[in-house]
Amino acid sequence: MLIAGCGGGDSGSATANSPSSSASSQGSSGVTISDFKFKPNPLTAQSGASVKVTNDDSAPHTVTADDGHSFDTGTLDQGSSKSISVTKPGTYPYHCSIHAFMHGKLIVK
């Protein structure tokens, strides 16, 4: 869901839940991990959206909120997907907890 730069985010909450590609009733949104990058970066989603994260890379990755609690996909092996649900507007910087140089940002409207 999500994507560019490091830093603090809102104290809003988002939770990881079962896979879904729906970002809103009008469309879908998602993040693809490839070449050790989150794409697109940043990603803008609607409040209440479910954002699908898909690992199309050769290594396992995570999408973990920088604030440590808003969302965390856990480890996604190659070809795996998981969705994160965003419940409060704000900016959510995130990273891969396995590869510290990977950063992204989710902007929730």
PDB file of N, CA and C in Angstrom:
ATOM      1  N   MET A   1       0.824  -1.145   0.000  1.00  0.00           N
ATOM      2  CA  MET A   1       0.000   0.000   0.000  1.00  0.00           C
ATOM      3  C   MET A   1       0.865   1.203   0.000  1.00  0.00           C
ATOM      4  N   LEU A   2       1.766   1.595  -0.926  1.00  0.00           N
ATOM      5  CA  LEU A   2       2.349   2.417  -0.046  1.00  0.00           C
ATOM      6  C   LEU A   2       3.721   2.999  -0.357  1.00  0.00           C
ATOM      7  N   ILE A   3       4.375   4.909  -0.214  1.00  0.00           N
ATOM      8  CA  ILE A   3       5.720   4.535  -0.528  1.00  0.00           C
ATOM      9  C   ILE A   3       6.872   5.559  -0.664  1.00  0.00           C
ATOM     10  N   ALA A   4       7.580   6.537  -0.127  1.00  0.00           N
ATOM     11  CA  ALA A   4       8.930   7.038  -0.356  1.00  0.00           C
ATOM     12  C   ALA A   4       9.462   7.782   0.835  1.00  0.00           C
ATOM     13  N   GLY A   5      10.554   7.350   1.326  1.00  0.00           N
ATOM     14  CA  GLY A   5      11.231   8.077   2.356  1.00  0.00           C
ATOM     15  C   GLY A   5      10.983   7.575   3.757  1.00  0.00           C
ATOM     16  N   CYS A   6      11.828   8.013   4.649  1.00  0.00           N
ATOM     17  CA  CYS A   6      11.786   7.650   6.059  1.00  0.00           C
ATOM     18  C   CYS A   6      11.219   8.797   6.851  1.00  0.00           C
ATOM     19  N   GLY A   7      10.764   8.504   8.029  1.00  0.00           N
ATOM     20  CA  GLY A   7      10.331   9.565   8.904  1.00  0.00           C
ATOM     21  C   GLY A   7       9.144   9.153   9.703  1.00  0.00           C
ATOM     22  N   GLY A   8       8.640  10.051  10.504  1.00  0.00           N
ATOM     23  CA  GLY A   8       7.504   9.760  11.363  1.00  0.00           C
ATOM     24  C   GLY A   8       6.217   9.817  10.593  1.00  0.00           C
ATOM     25  N   GLY A   9       5.219   9.154  11.120  1.00  0.00           N
ATOM     26  CA  GLY A   9       3.913   9.160  10.491  1.00  0.00           C
ATOM     27  C   GLY A   9       2.878   9.572  11.510  1.00  0.00           C
ATOM     28  N   ASP A  10       1.640   9.576  11.099  1.00  0.00           N
ATOM     29  CA  ASP A  10       0.553   9.861  12.006  1.00  0.00           C
ATOM     30  C   ASP A  10       0.430   8.734  12.997  1.00  0.00           C
ATOM     31  N   SER A  11      -0.308   8.969  14.029  1.00  0.00           N
ATOM     32  CA  SER A  11      -0.538   7.918  15.002  1.00  0.00           C
ATOM     33  C   SER A  11      -1.757   7.108  14.613  1.00  0.00           C
ATOM     34  N   GLY A  12      -2.201   7.225  13.369  1.00  0.00           N
ATOM     35  CA  GLY A  12      -3.344   6.478  12.870  1.00  0.00           C
ATOM     36  C   GLY A  12      -3.067   5.003  12.866  1.00  0.00           C
ATOM     37  N   SER A  13      -4.114   4.229  12.606  1.00  0.00           N
ATOM     38  CA  SER A  13      -3.901   2.796  12.638  1.00  0.00           C
ATOM     39  C   SER A  13      -4.242   2.172  11.308  1.00  0.00           C
ATOM     40  N   ALA A  14      -3.554   1.118  11.013  1.00  0.00           N
ATOM     41  CA  ALA A  14      -3.822   0.279   9.862  1.00  0.00           C
ATOM     42  C   ALA A  14      -3.466  -1.117  10.312  1.00  0.00           C
ATOM     43  N   THR A  15      -4.134  -2.095   9.783  1.00  0.00           N
ATOM     44  CA  THR A  15      -3.853  -3.446  10.221  1.00  0.00           C
ATOM     45  C   THR A  15      -3.674  -4.359   9.026  1.00  0.00           C
ATOM     46  N   ALA A  16      -2.861  -5.369   9.190  1.00  0.00           N
ATOM     47  CA  ALA A  16      -2.720  -6.380   8.151  1.00  0.00           C
ATOM     48  C   ALA A  16      -3.882  -7.342   8.304  1.00  0.00           C
ATOM     49  N   ASN A  17      -4.448  -7.750   7.185  1.00  0.00           N
ATOM     50  CA  ASN A  17      -5.539  -8.715   7.247  1.00  0.00           C
ATOM     51  C   ASN A  17      -5.485  -9.611   6.036  1.00  0.00           C
ATOM     52  N   SER A  18      -6.550 -10.322   5.800  1.00  0.00           N
ATOM     53  CA  SER A  18      -6.543 -11.287   4.704  1.00  0.00           C
ATOM     54  C   SER A  18      -6.367 -10.611   3.358  1.00  0.00           C
ATOM     55  N   PRO A  19      -5.811 -11.338   2.373  1.00  0.00           N
ATOM     56  CA  PRO A  19      -5.549 -10.745   1.062  1.00  0.00           C
ATOM     57  C   PRO A  19      -6.799 -10.186   0.402  1.00  0.00           C
ATOM     58  N   SER A  20      -6.627  -9.052  -0.227  1.00  0.00           N
ATOM     59  CA  SER A  20      -7.692  -8.396  -0.962  1.00  0.00           C
ATOM     60  C   SER A  20      -7.062  -7.389  -1.891  1.00  0.00           C
ATOM     61  N   SER A  21      -7.667  -7.173  -3.041  1.00  0.00           N
ATOM     62  CA  SER A  21      -7.102  -6.195  -3.950  1.00  0.00           C
ATOM     63  C   SER A  21      -7.934  -4.934  -4.003  1.00  0.00           C
ATOM     64  N   SER A  22      -8.976  -4.843  -3.203  1.00  0.00           N
ATOM     65  CA  SER A  22      -9.852  -3.688  -3.232  1.00  0.00           C
ATOM     66  C   SER A  22      -9.289  -2.534  -2.426  1.00  0.00           C
ATOM     67  N   ALA A  23      -9.147  -1.379  -3.057  1.00  0.00           N
ATOM     68  CA  ALA A  23      -8.673  -0.200  -2.340  1.00  0.00           C
ATOM     69  C   ALA A  23      -9.831   0.707  -1.965  1.00  0.00           C
ATOM     70  N   SER A  24     -10.889   0.629  -2.694  1.00  0.00           N
ATOM     71  CA  SER A  24     -12.087   1.399  -2.394  1.00  0.00           C
ATOM     72  C   SER A  24     -13.201   0.816  -3.231  1.00  0.00           C
ATOM     73  N   SER A  25     -14.399   1.322  -3.063  1.00  0.00           N
ATOM     74  CA  SER A  25     -15.495   0.804  -3.871  1.00  0.00           C
ATOM     75  C   SER A  25     -15.332   1.202  -5.331  1.00  0.00           C
ATOM     76  N   GLN A  26     -14.475   2.179  -5.618  1.00  0.00           N
ATOM     77  CA  GLN A  26     -14.288   2.627  -6.993  1.00  0.00           C
ATOM     78  C   GLN A  26     -13.108   1.977  -7.702  1.00  0.00           C
ATOM     79  N   GLY A  27     -12.212   1.299  -6.976  1.00  0.00           N
ATOM     80  CA  GLY A  27     -11.059   0.758  -7.672  1.00  0.00           C
ATOM     81  C   GLY A  27     -10.151  -0.023  -6.751  1.00  0.00           C
ATOM     82  N   SER A  28      -8.994  -0.398  -7.274  1.00  0.00           N
ATOM     83  CA  SER A  28      -8.067  -1.157  -6.454  1.00  0.00           C
ATOM     84  C   SER A  28      -6.700  -0.507  -6.498  1.00  0.00           C
ATOM     85  N   SER A  29      -5.897  -0.897  -5.529  1.00  0.00           N
ATOM     86  CA  SER A  29      -4.605  -0.274  -5.377  1.00  0.00           C
ATOM     87  C   SER A  29      -3.661  -1.290  -4.782  1.00  0.00           C
ATOM     88  N   GLY A  30      -2.396  -1.186  -5.133  1.00  0.00           N
ATOM     89  CA  GLY A  30      -1.464  -2.127  -4.550  1.00  0.00           C
ATOM     90  C   GLY A  30      -0.027  -1.710  -4.726  1.00  0.00           C
ATOM     91  N   VAL A  31       0.831  -2.421  -3.986  1.00  0.00           N
ATOM     92  CA  VAL A  31       2.266  -2.224  -4.041  1.00  0.00           C
ATOM     93  C   VAL A  31       2.887  -3.506  -4.544  1.00  0.00           C
ATOM     94  N   THR A  32       3.811  -3.371  -5.463  1.00  0.00           N
ATOM     95  CA  THR A  32       4.592  -4.507  -5.943  1.00  0.00           C
ATOM     96  C   THR A  32       6.030  -4.305  -5.505  1.00  0.00           C
ATOM     97  N   ILE A  33       6.629  -5.367  -5.002  1.00  0.00           N
ATOM     98  CA  ILE A  33       8.036  -5.326  -4.623  1.00  0.00           C
ATOM     99  C   ILE A  33       8.820  -6.034  -5.712  1.00  0.00           C
ATOM    100  N   SER A  34       9.730  -5.294  -6.346  1.00  0.00           N
ATOM    101  CA  SER A  34      10.604  -5.898  -7.359  1.00  0.00           C
ATOM    102  C   SER A  34      11.890  -5.081  -7.430  1.00  0.00           C
ATOM    103  N   ASP A  35      12.977  -5.754  -7.785  1.00  0.00           N
ATOM    104  CA  ASP A  35      14.289  -5.098  -7.859  1.00  0.00           C
ATOM    105  C   ASP A  35      14.640  -4.386  -6.553  1.00  0.00           C
ATOM    106  N   PHE A  36      14.208  -4.962  -5.422  1.00  0.00           N
ATOM    107  CA  PHE A  36      14.469  -4.400  -4.099  1.00  0.00           C
ATOM    108  C   PHE A  36      13.929  -2.983  -3.965  1.00  0.00           C
ATOM    109  N   LYS A  37      12.745  -2.732  -4.581  1.00  0.00           N
ATOM    110  CA  LYS A  37      12.072  -1.436  -4.510  1.00  0.00           C
ATOM    111  C   LYS A  37      10.573  -1.660  -4.359  1.00  0.00           C
ATOM    112  N   PHE A  38       9.915  -0.705  -3.686  1.00  0.00           N
ATOM    113  CA  PHE A  38       8.462  -0.687  -3.587  1.00  0.00           C
ATOM    114  C   PHE A  38       7.928   0.162  -4.735  1.00  0.00           C
ATOM    115  N   LYS A  39       6.961  -0.368  -5.467  1.00  0.00           N
ATOM    116  CA  LYS A  39       6.410   0.349  -6.622  1.00  0.00           C
ATOM    117  C   LYS A  39       4.886   0.283  -6.584  1.00  0.00           C
ATOM    118  N   PRO A  40       4.185   1.395  -6.751  1.00  0.00           N
ATOM    119  CA  PRO A  40       4.689   2.764  -6.900  1.00  0.00           C
ATOM    120  C   PRO A  40       5.145   3.317  -5.553  1.00  0.00           C
ATOM    121  N   ASN A  41       5.859   4.384  -5.615  1.00  0.00           N
ATOM    122  CA  ASN A  41       6.383   5.007  -4.417  1.00  0.00           C
ATOM    123  C   ASN A  41       6.426   6.518  -4.595  1.00  0.00           C
ATOM    124  N   PRO A  42       5.581   7.268  -3.908  1.00  0.00           N
ATOM    125  CA  PRO A  42       4.613   6.851  -2.906  1.00  0.00           C
ATOM    126  C   PRO A  42       3.327   6.336  -3.530  1.00  0.00           C
ATOM    127  N   LEU A  43       2.510   5.687  -2.712  1.00  0.00           N
ATOM    128  CA  LEU A  43       1.187   5.226  -3.130  1.00  0.00           C
ATOM    129  C   LEU A  43       0.157   6.011  -2.332  1.00  0.00           C
ATOM    130  N   THR A  44      -0.884   6.493  -3.009  1.00  0.00           N
ATOM    131  CA  THR A  44      -1.983   7.177  -2.343  1.00  0.00           C
ATOM    132  C   THR A  44      -3.197   6.269  -2.391  1.00  0.00           C
ATOM    133  N   ALA A  45      -3.842   6.103  -1.240  1.00  0.00           N
ATOM    134  CA  ALA A  45      -5.035   5.254  -1.138  1.00  0.00           C
ATOM    135  C   ALA A  45      -6.105   5.994  -0.345  1.00  0.00           C
ATOM    136  N   GLN A  46      -7.335   5.579  -0.512  1.00  0.00           N
ATOM    137  CA  GLN A  46      -8.442   6.163   0.225  1.00  0.00           C
ATOM    138  C   GLN A  46      -8.522   5.568   1.628  1.00  0.00           C
ATOM    139  N   SER A  47      -8.983   6.354   2.567  1.00  0.00           N
ATOM    140  CA  SER A  47      -9.217   5.874   3.925  1.00  0.00           C
ATOM    141  C   SER A  47     -10.153   4.680   3.874  1.00  0.00           C
ATOM    142  N   GLY A  48      -9.826   3.656   4.623  1.00  0.00           N
ATOM    143  CA  GLY A  48     -10.634   2.439   4.628  1.00  0.00           C
ATOM    144  C   GLY A  48     -10.272   1.460   3.540  1.00  0.00           C
ATOM    145  N   ALA A  49      -9.308   1.819   2.710  1.00  0.00           N
ATOM    146  CA  ALA A  49      -8.897   0.963   1.600  1.00  0.00           C
ATOM    147  C   ALA A  49      -8.122  -0.247   2.088  1.00  0.00           C
ATOM    148  N   SER A  50      -8.154  -1.279   1.288  1.00  0.00           N
ATOM    149  CA  SER A  50      -7.309  -2.444   1.500  1.00  0.00           C
ATOM    150  C   SER A  50      -6.278  -2.420   0.387  1.00  0.00           C
ATOM    151  N   VAL A  51      -5.017  -2.430   0.750  1.00  0.00           N
ATOM    152  CA  VAL A  51      -3.943  -2.329  -0.225  1.00  0.00           C
ATOM    153  C   VAL A  51      -3.204  -3.660  -0.297  1.00  0.00           C
ATOM    154  N   LYS A  52      -3.173  -4.231  -1.474  1.00  0.00           N
ATOM    155  CA  LYS A  52      -2.505  -5.511  -1.679  1.00  0.00           C
ATOM    156  C   LYS A  52      -1.017  -5.297  -1.919  1.00  0.00           C
ATOM    157  N   VAL A  53      -0.183  -6.026  -1.179  1.00  0.00           N
ATOM    158  CA  VAL A  53       1.267  -5.985  -1.332  1.00  0.00           C
ATOM    159  C   VAL A  53       1.689  -7.316  -1.932  1.00  0.00           C
ATOM    160  N   THR A  54       2.387  -7.276  -3.072  1.00  0.00           N
ATOM    161  CA  THR A  54       2.821  -8.496  -3.757  1.00  0.00           C
ATOM    162  C   THR A  54       4.334  -8.484  -3.909  1.00  0.00           C
ATOM    163  N   ASN A  55       4.961  -9.585  -3.511  1.00  0.00           N
ATOM    164  CA  ASN A  55       6.409  -9.708  -3.645  1.00  0.00           C
ATOM    165  C   ASN A  55       6.735 -10.419  -4.960  1.00  0.00           C
ATOM    166  N   ASP A  56       7.182  -9.648  -5.944  1.00  0.00           N
ATOM    167  CA  ASP A  56       7.615 -10.180  -7.242  1.00  0.00           C
ATOM    168  C   ASP A  56       9.126 -10.166  -7.341  1.00  0.00           C
ATOM    169  N   ASP A  57       9.808 -10.184  -6.207  1.00  0.00           N
ATOM    170  CA  ASP A  57      11.263 -10.122  -6.173  1.00  0.00           C
ATOM    171  C   ASP A  57      11.848 -11.507  -5.925  1.00  0.00           C
ATOM    172  N   SER A  58      13.168 -11.586  -5.969  1.00  0.00           N
ATOM    173  CA  SER A  58      13.881 -12.854  -5.799  1.00  0.00           C
ATOM    174  C   SER A  58      14.192 -13.176  -4.342  1.00  0.00           C
ATOM    175  N   ALA A  59      13.834 -12.266  -3.424  1.00  0.00           N
ATOM    176  CA  ALA A  59      14.132 -12.447  -1.997  1.00  0.00           C
ATOM    177  C   ALA A  59      12.876 -12.158  -1.178  1.00  0.00           C
ATOM    178  N   PRO A  60      12.811 -12.650   0.057  1.00  0.00           N
ATOM    179  CA  PRO A  60      11.692 -12.302   0.933  1.00  0.00           C
ATOM    180  C   PRO A  60      11.783 -10.841   1.372  1.00  0.00           C
ATOM    181  N   HIS A  61      10.616 -10.234   1.634  1.00  0.00           N
ATOM    182  CA  HIS A  61      10.544  -8.837   2.058  1.00  0.00           C
ATOM    183  C   HIS A  61       9.395  -8.660   3.042  1.00  0.00           C
ATOM    184  N   THR A  62       9.358  -7.491   3.701  1.00  0.00           N
ATOM    185  CA  THR A  62       8.219  -7.090   4.519  1.00  0.00           C
ATOM    186  C   THR A  62       7.808  -5.683   4.124  1.00  0.00           C
ATOM    187  N   VAL A  63       6.595  -5.315   4.497  1.00  0.00           N
ATOM    188  CA  VAL A  63       6.154  -3.931   4.469  1.00  0.00           C
ATOM    189  C   VAL A  63       5.760  -3.636   5.911  1.00  0.00           C
ATOM    190  N   THR A  64       6.624  -2.889   6.598  1.00  0.00           N
ATOM    191  CA  THR A  64       6.489  -2.635   8.029  1.00  0.00           C
ATOM    192  C   THR A  64       6.447  -1.132   8.277  1.00  0.00           C
ATOM    193  N   ALA A  65       5.391  -0.663   8.906  1.00  0.00           N
ATOM    194  CA  ALA A  65       5.264   0.767   9.204  1.00  0.00           C
ATOM    195  C   ALA A  65       6.410   1.222  10.086  1.00  0.00           C
ATOM    196  N   ASP A  66       6.979   2.376   9.773  1.00  0.00           N
ATOM    197  CA  ASP A  66       8.084   2.929  10.549  1.00  0.00           C
ATOM    198  C   ASP A  66       7.697   3.175  12.006  1.00  0.00           C
ATOM    199  N   ASP A  67       6.411   3.430  12.270  1.00  0.00           N
ATOM    200  CA  ASP A  67       5.998   3.702  13.655  1.00  0.00           C
ATOM    201  C   ASP A  67       5.920   2.436  14.504  1.00  0.00           C
ATOM    202  N   GLY A  68       6.102   1.267  13.879  1.00  0.00           N
ATOM    203  CA  GLY A  68       6.151   0.019  14.612  1.00  0.00           C
ATOM    204  C   GLY A  68       4.820  -0.623  14.949  1.00  0.00           C
ATOM    205  N   HIS A  69       3.691   0.021  14.582  1.00  0.00           N
ATOM    206  CA  HIS A  69       2.410  -0.581  14.940  1.00  0.00           C
ATOM    207  C   HIS A  69       1.282  -0.408  13.925  1.00  0.00           C
ATOM    208  N   SER A  70       1.387   0.473  12.982  1.00  0.00           N
ATOM    209  CA  SER A  70       0.266   0.715  12.068  1.00  0.00           C
ATOM    210  C   SER A  70      -0.013  -0.448  11.128  1.00  0.00           C
ATOM    211  N   PHE A  71       1.032  -1.089  10.609  1.00  0.00           N
ATOM    212  CA  PHE A  71       0.858  -2.279   9.784  1.00  0.00           C
ATOM    213  C   PHE A  71       2.182  -3.001   9.628  1.00  0.00           C
ATOM    214  N   ASP A  72       2.069  -4.285   9.366  1.00  0.00           N
ATOM    215  CA  ASP A  72       3.233  -5.135   9.115  1.00  0.00           C
ATOM    216  C   ASP A  72       2.739  -6.379   8.399  1.00  0.00           C
ATOM    217  N   THR A  73       3.218  -6.601   7.203  1.00  0.00           N
ATOM    218  CA  THR A  73       2.787  -7.773   6.443  1.00  0.00           C
ATOM    219  C   THR A  73       3.400  -9.062   6.963  1.00  0.00           C
ATOM    220  N   GLY A  74       4.456  -8.955   7.768  1.00  0.00           N
ATOM    221  CA  GLY A  74       5.232 -10.143   8.073  1.00  0.00           C
ATOM    222  C   GLY A  74       6.064 -10.465   6.842  1.00  0.00           C
ATOM    223  N   THR A  75       6.814 -11.538   6.888  1.00  0.00           N
ATOM    224  CA  THR A  75       7.682 -11.896   5.763  1.00  0.00           C
ATOM    225  C   THR A  75       6.853 -12.413   4.598  1.00  0.00           C
ATOM    226  N   LEU A  76       7.061 -11.799   3.431  1.00  0.00           N
ATOM    227  CA  LEU A  76       6.416 -12.234   2.189  1.00  0.00           C
ATOM    228  C   LEU A  76       7.469 -12.914   1.335  1.00  0.00           C
ATOM    229  N   ASP A  77       7.325 -14.210   1.128  1.00  0.00           N
ATOM    230  CA  ASP A  77       8.237 -14.929   0.247  1.00  0.00           C
ATOM    231  C   ASP A  77       7.936 -14.574  -1.204  1.00  0.00           C
ATOM    232  N   GLN A  78       8.840 -14.940  -2.097  1.00  0.00           N
ATOM    233  CA  GLN A  78       8.665 -14.673  -3.522  1.00  0.00           C
ATOM    234  C   GLN A  78       7.306 -15.195  -3.985  1.00  0.00           C
ATOM    235  N   GLY A  79       6.544 -14.336  -4.671  1.00  0.00           N
ATOM    236  CA  GLY A  79       5.238 -14.710  -5.203  1.00  0.00           C
ATOM    237  C   GLY A  79       4.093 -14.570  -4.215  1.00  0.00           C
ATOM    238  N   SER A  80       4.372 -14.217  -2.970  1.00  0.00           N
ATOM    239  CA  SER A  80       3.330 -14.084  -1.946  1.00  0.00           C
ATOM    240  C   SER A  80       2.706 -12.694  -1.960  1.00  0.00           C
ATOM    241  N   SER A  81       1.483 -12.630  -1.445  1.00  0.00           N
ATOM    242  CA  SER A  81       0.767 -11.359  -1.316  1.00  0.00           C
ATOM    243  C   SER A  81       0.080 -11.312   0.031  1.00  0.00           C
ATOM    244  N   LYS A  82      -0.146 -10.106   0.505  1.00  0.00           N
ATOM    245  CA  LYS A  82      -0.930  -9.865   1.709  1.00  0.00           C
ATOM    246  C   LYS A  82      -1.477  -8.455   1.596  1.00  0.00           C
ATOM    247  N   SER A  83      -2.613  -8.228   2.219  1.00  0.00           N
ATOM    248  CA  SER A  83      -3.201  -6.889   2.188  1.00  0.00           C
ATOM    249  C   SER A  83      -3.093  -6.228   3.543  1.00  0.00           C
ATOM    250  N   ILE A  84      -2.961  -4.910   3.477  1.00  0.00           N
ATOM    251  CA  ILE A  84      -2.995  -4.106   4.685  1.00  0.00           C
ATOM    252  C   ILE A  84      -4.181  -3.169   4.571  1.00  0.00           C
ATOM    253  N   SER A  85      -4.872  -2.969   5.659  1.00  0.00           N
ATOM    254  CA  SER A  85      -6.056  -2.132   5.672  1.00  0.00           C
ATOM    255  C   SER A  85      -5.733  -0.841   6.420  1.00  0.00           C
ATOM    256  N   VAL A  86      -6.058   0.268   5.802  1.00  0.00           N
ATOM    257  CA  VAL A  86      -5.738   1.580   6.364  1.00  0.00           C
ATOM    258  C   VAL A  86      -7.020   2.209   6.889  1.00  0.00           C
ATOM    259  N   THR A  87      -6.998   2.625   8.158  1.00  0.00           N
ATOM    260  CA  THR A  87      -8.234   3.110   8.770  1.00  0.00           C
ATOM    261  C   THR A  87      -8.244   4.594   9.100  1.00  0.00           C
ATOM    262  N   LYS A  88      -7.113   5.272   8.994  1.00  0.00           N
ATOM    263  CA  LYS A  88      -7.072   6.696   9.346  1.00  0.00           C
ATOM    264  C   LYS A  88      -6.228   7.470   8.334  1.00  0.00           C
ATOM    265  N   PRO A  89      -6.730   8.621   7.850  1.00  0.00           N
ATOM    266  CA  PRO A  89      -5.927   9.433   6.930  1.00  0.00           C
ATOM    267  C   PRO A  89      -4.611   9.863   7.561  1.00  0.00           C
ATOM    268  N   GLY A  90      -3.607   9.976   6.714  1.00  0.00           N
ATOM    269  CA  GLY A  90      -2.289  10.402   7.173  1.00  0.00           C
ATOM    270  C   GLY A  90      -1.214   9.887   6.241  1.00  0.00           C
ATOM    271  N   THR A  91       0.016  10.104   6.625  1.00  0.00           N
ATOM    272  CA  THR A  91       1.166   9.639   5.853  1.00  0.00           C
ATOM    273  C   THR A  91       1.869   8.564   6.662  1.00  0.00           C
ATOM    274  N   TYR A  92       2.094   7.416   6.032  1.00  0.00           N
ATOM    275  CA  TYR A  92       2.656   6.249   6.697  1.00  0.00           C
ATOM    276  C   TYR A  92       3.956   5.816   6.020  1.00  0.00           C
ATOM    277  N   PRO A  93       5.083   6.300   6.484  1.00  0.00           N
ATOM    278  CA  PRO A  93       6.354   5.802   5.958  1.00  0.00           C
ATOM    279  C   PRO A  93       6.524   4.342   6.384  1.00  0.00           C
ATOM    280  N   TYR A  94       7.149   3.536   5.528  1.00  0.00           N
ATOM    281  CA  TYR A  94       7.379   2.137   5.861  1.00  0.00           C
ATOM    282  C   TYR A  94       8.704   1.671   5.300  1.00  0.00           C
ATOM    283  N   HIS A  95       9.087   0.468   5.666  1.00  0.00           N
ATOM    284  CA  HIS A  95      10.373  -0.095   5.252  1.00  0.00           C
ATOM    285  C   HIS A  95      10.259  -1.614   5.177  1.00  0.00           C
ATOM    286  N   CYS A  96      11.290  -2.228   4.644  1.00  0.00           N
ATOM    287  CA  CYS A  96      11.434  -3.681   4.685  1.00  0.00           C
ATOM    288  C   CYS A  96      12.304  -3.990   5.893  1.00  0.00           C
ATOM    289  N   SER A  97      11.799  -4.783   6.814  1.00  0.00           N
ATOM    290  CA  SER A  97      12.576  -5.078   8.021  1.00  0.00           C
ATOM    291  C   SER A  97      13.745  -6.026   7.742  1.00  0.00           C
ATOM    292  N   ILE A  98      13.759  -6.643   6.583  1.00  0.00           N
ATOM    293  CA  ILE A  98      14.863  -7.531   6.189  1.00  0.00           C
ATOM    294  C   ILE A  98      15.963  -6.741   5.487  1.00  0.00           C
ATOM    295  N   HIS A  99      15.572  -5.755   4.680  1.00  0.00           N
ATOM    296  CA  HIS A  99      16.507  -4.948   3.891  1.00  0.00           C
ATOM    297  C   HIS A  99      16.306  -3.482   4.276  1.00  0.00           C
ATOM    298  N   ALA A 100      17.086  -3.010   5.238  1.00  0.00           N
ATOM    299  CA  ALA A 100      16.890  -1.681   5.840  1.00  0.00           C
ATOM    300  C   ALA A 100      16.977  -0.520   4.855  1.00  0.00           C
ATOM    301  N   PHE A 101      17.580  -0.725   3.699  1.00  0.00           N
ATOM    302  CA  PHE A 101      17.703   0.353   2.708  1.00  0.00           C
ATOM    303  C   PHE A 101      16.424   0.551   1.901  1.00  0.00           C
ATOM    304  N   MET A 102      15.458  -0.349   2.022  1.00  0.00           N
ATOM    305  CA  MET A 102      14.205  -0.253   1.262  1.00  0.00           C
ATOM    306  C   MET A 102      13.186   0.564   2.064  1.00  0.00           C
ATOM    307  N   HIS A 103      12.708   1.674   1.457  1.00  0.00           N
ATOM    308  CA  HIS A 103      11.745   2.550   2.116  1.00  0.00           C
ATOM    309  C   HIS A 103      10.621   2.894   1.165  1.00  0.00           C
ATOM    310  N   GLY A 104       9.445   3.134   1.724  1.00  0.00           N
ATOM    311  CA  GLY A 104       8.301   3.552   0.950  1.00  0.00           C
ATOM    312  C   GLY A 104       7.388   4.439   1.777  1.00  0.00           C
ATOM    313  N   LYS A 105       6.349   4.940   1.145  1.00  0.00           N
ATOM    314  CA  LYS A 105       5.397   5.794   1.847  1.00  0.00           C
ATOM    315  C   LYS A 105       4.004   5.534   1.318  1.00  0.00           C
ATOM    316  N   LEU A 106       3.066   5.381   2.245  1.00  0.00           N
ATOM    317  CA  LEU A 106       1.649   5.276   1.933  1.00  0.00           C
ATOM    318  C   LEU A 106       0.979   6.558   2.399  1.00  0.00           C
ATOM    319  N   ILE A 107       0.252   7.194   1.489  1.00  0.00           N
ATOM    320  CA  ILE A 107      -0.494   8.408   1.816  1.00  0.00           C
ATOM    321  C   ILE A 107      -1.972   8.042   1.775  1.00  0.00           C
ATOM    322  N   VAL A 108      -2.645   8.218   2.905  1.00  0.00           N
ATOM    323  CA  VAL A 108      -4.051   7.865   3.017  1.00  0.00           C
ATOM    324  C   VAL A 108      -4.872   9.140   3.071  1.00  0.00           C
ATOM    325  N   LYS A 109      -5.823   9.247   2.140  1.00  0.00           N
ATOM    326  CA  LYS A 109      -6.685  10.442   2.042  1.00  0.00           C
ATOM    327  C   LYS A 109      -8.015  10.193   2.713  1.00  0.00           C
TER     328      LYS A 109
END
